[in-house]
Amino acid sequence: MVGGYDLTEEEQQAFLREDIGLLYVLGINGQLLMHYAAFTGLEWDAYIKAMRLGVATHGNVRAGLYVMTDGRGAV
């Protein structure tokens, strides 16, 4: 299912597990991710909670539009 895409092992596993929080932290655009979340049956409140849990569990968003820093430029 994800074999035809240039994804890391971590990205593949997050996608297959439908791990919205980790996908967000890995840098998946939130506008696209919300549609994927809806496709998986996740309701809006649970989607927002999953994104927050992803940051709490896996750390700052690592790449993409929503990248987070610690205020000193470190991700």
C-alpha atoms as a PDB file:
ATOM      1  CA  MET A   1       0.000   0.000   0.000  1.00  0.00           C
ATOM      2  CA  VAL A   2       2.805   2.486   0.763  1.00  0.00           C
ATOM      3  CA  GLY A   3       5.560   0.644  -1.114  1.00  0.00           C
ATOM      4  CA  GLY A   4       5.403   2.871  -4.191  1.00  0.00           C
ATOM      5  CA  TYR A   5       6.290   6.016  -2.259  1.00  0.00           C
ATOM      6  CA  ASP A   6       9.650   7.308  -1.077  1.00  0.00           C
ATOM      7  CA  LEU A   7       8.928   7.055   2.663  1.00  0.00           C
ATOM      8  CA  THR A   8      11.176   6.264   5.586  1.00  0.00           C
ATOM      9  CA  GLU A   9      10.362   3.194   7.660  1.00  0.00           C
ATOM     10  CA  GLU A  10       9.047   5.491  10.415  1.00  0.00           C
ATOM     11  CA  GLU A  11       6.744   7.273   7.947  1.00  0.00           C
ATOM     12  CA  GLN A  12       5.481   3.983   6.535  1.00  0.00           C
ATOM     13  CA  GLN A  13       4.720   2.581   9.973  1.00  0.00           C
ATOM     14  CA  ALA A  14       2.983   5.784  11.111  1.00  0.00           C
ATOM     15  CA  PHE A  15       0.816   5.722   7.997  1.00  0.00           C
ATOM     16  CA  LEU A  16      -0.062   2.048   8.351  1.00  0.00           C
ATOM     17  CA  ARG A  17      -0.882   2.499  12.063  1.00  0.00           C
ATOM     18  CA  GLU A  18      -2.916   5.627  11.227  1.00  0.00           C
ATOM     19  CA  ASP A  19      -0.804   7.474  13.814  1.00  0.00           C
ATOM     20  CA  ILE A  20      -2.001  11.019  13.179  1.00  0.00           C
ATOM     21  CA  GLY A  21       0.193  12.492  15.924  1.00  0.00           C
ATOM     22  CA  LEU A  22       3.410  11.006  14.592  1.00  0.00           C
ATOM     23  CA  LEU A  23       2.527  11.893  10.998  1.00  0.00           C
ATOM     24  CA  TYR A  24       2.014  15.495  12.155  1.00  0.00           C
ATOM     25  CA  VAL A  25       5.365  15.526  13.964  1.00  0.00           C
ATOM     26  CA  LEU A  26       7.048  14.074  10.874  1.00  0.00           C
ATOM     27  CA  GLY A  27       5.865  17.121   8.934  1.00  0.00           C
ATOM     28  CA  ILE A  28       2.711  16.062   7.128  1.00  0.00           C
ATOM     29  CA  ASN A  29       0.768  19.204   6.267  1.00  0.00           C
ATOM     30  CA  GLY A  30      -2.154  19.651   8.663  1.00  0.00           C
ATOM     31  CA  GLN A  31      -4.544  20.565   5.850  1.00  0.00           C
ATOM     32  CA  LEU A  32      -3.835  17.255   4.145  1.00  0.00           C
ATOM     33  CA  LEU A  33      -3.648  15.338   7.396  1.00  0.00           C
ATOM     34  CA  MET A  34      -7.141  16.414   8.468  1.00  0.00           C
ATOM     35  CA  HIS A  35      -8.567  14.792   5.338  1.00  0.00           C
ATOM     36  CA  TYR A  36      -6.613  11.600   6.002  1.00  0.00           C
ATOM     37  CA  ALA A  37      -7.874  11.638   9.597  1.00  0.00           C
ATOM     38  CA  ALA A  38     -11.459  12.015   8.407  1.00  0.00           C
ATOM     39  CA  PHE A  39     -10.905   9.182   5.925  1.00  0.00           C
ATOM     40  CA  THR A  40      -9.811   6.954   8.816  1.00  0.00           C
ATOM     41  CA  GLY A  41     -12.970   7.901  10.747  1.00  0.00           C
ATOM     42  CA  LEU A  42     -11.349  10.240  13.262  1.00  0.00           C
ATOM     43  CA  GLU A  43     -13.636  13.057  14.357  1.00  0.00           C
ATOM     44  CA  TRP A  44     -12.383  16.651  14.554  1.00  0.00           C
ATOM     45  CA  ASP A  45     -11.855  16.793  18.339  1.00  0.00           C
ATOM     46  CA  ALA A  46      -9.991  13.480  18.298  1.00  0.00           C
ATOM     47  CA  TYR A  47      -7.850  14.735  15.383  1.00  0.00           C
ATOM     48  CA  ILE A  48      -6.777  17.837  17.319  1.00  0.00           C
ATOM     49  CA  LYS A  49      -6.116  15.722  20.414  1.00  0.00           C
ATOM     50  CA  ALA A  50      -4.037  13.258  18.350  1.00  0.00           C
ATOM     51  CA  MET A  51      -1.877  16.093  16.988  1.00  0.00           C
ATOM     52  CA  ARG A  52      -1.260  17.465  20.485  1.00  0.00           C
ATOM     53  CA  LEU A  53      -0.491  13.983  21.800  1.00  0.00           C
ATOM     54  CA  GLY A  54       1.925  13.476  18.914  1.00  0.00           C
ATOM     55  CA  VAL A  55       3.910  16.551  19.946  1.00  0.00           C
ATOM     56  CA  ALA A  56       3.811  15.538  23.619  1.00  0.00           C
ATOM     57  CA  THR A  57       4.959  12.006  22.772  1.00  0.00           C
ATOM     58  CA  HIS A  58       7.379  12.511  19.877  1.00  0.00           C
ATOM     59  CA  GLY A  59       8.581  16.090  20.355  1.00  0.00           C
ATOM     60  CA  ASN A  60       8.409  19.130  18.131  1.00  0.00           C
ATOM     61  CA  VAL A  61       7.189  19.001  14.543  1.00  0.00           C
ATOM     62  CA  ARG A  62      10.376  18.133  12.649  1.00  0.00           C
ATOM     63  CA  ALA A  63       9.714  19.417   9.148  1.00  0.00           C
ATOM     64  CA  GLY A  64       7.285  21.194   6.887  1.00  0.00           C
ATOM     65  CA  LEU A  65       5.068  24.207   7.320  1.00  0.00           C
ATOM     66  CA  TYR A  66       4.409  23.575  11.009  1.00  0.00           C
ATOM     67  CA  VAL A  67       8.007  22.989  12.126  1.00  0.00           C
ATOM     68  CA  MET A  68       8.505  23.923  15.778  1.00  0.00           C
ATOM     69  CA  THR A  69      11.616  25.274  17.416  1.00  0.00           C
ATOM     70  CA  ASP A  70      12.700  25.715  20.986  1.00  0.00           C
ATOM     71  CA  GLY A  71      13.125  29.462  20.512  1.00  0.00           C
ATOM     72  CA  ARG A  72      16.818  29.121  19.746  1.00  0.00           C
ATOM     73  CA  GLY A  73      16.333  27.619  16.305  1.00  0.00           C
ATOM     74  CA  ALA A  74      16.671  23.980  17.370  1.00  0.00           C
ATOM     75  CA  VAL A  75      13.954  21.624  16.285  1.00  0.00           C
END
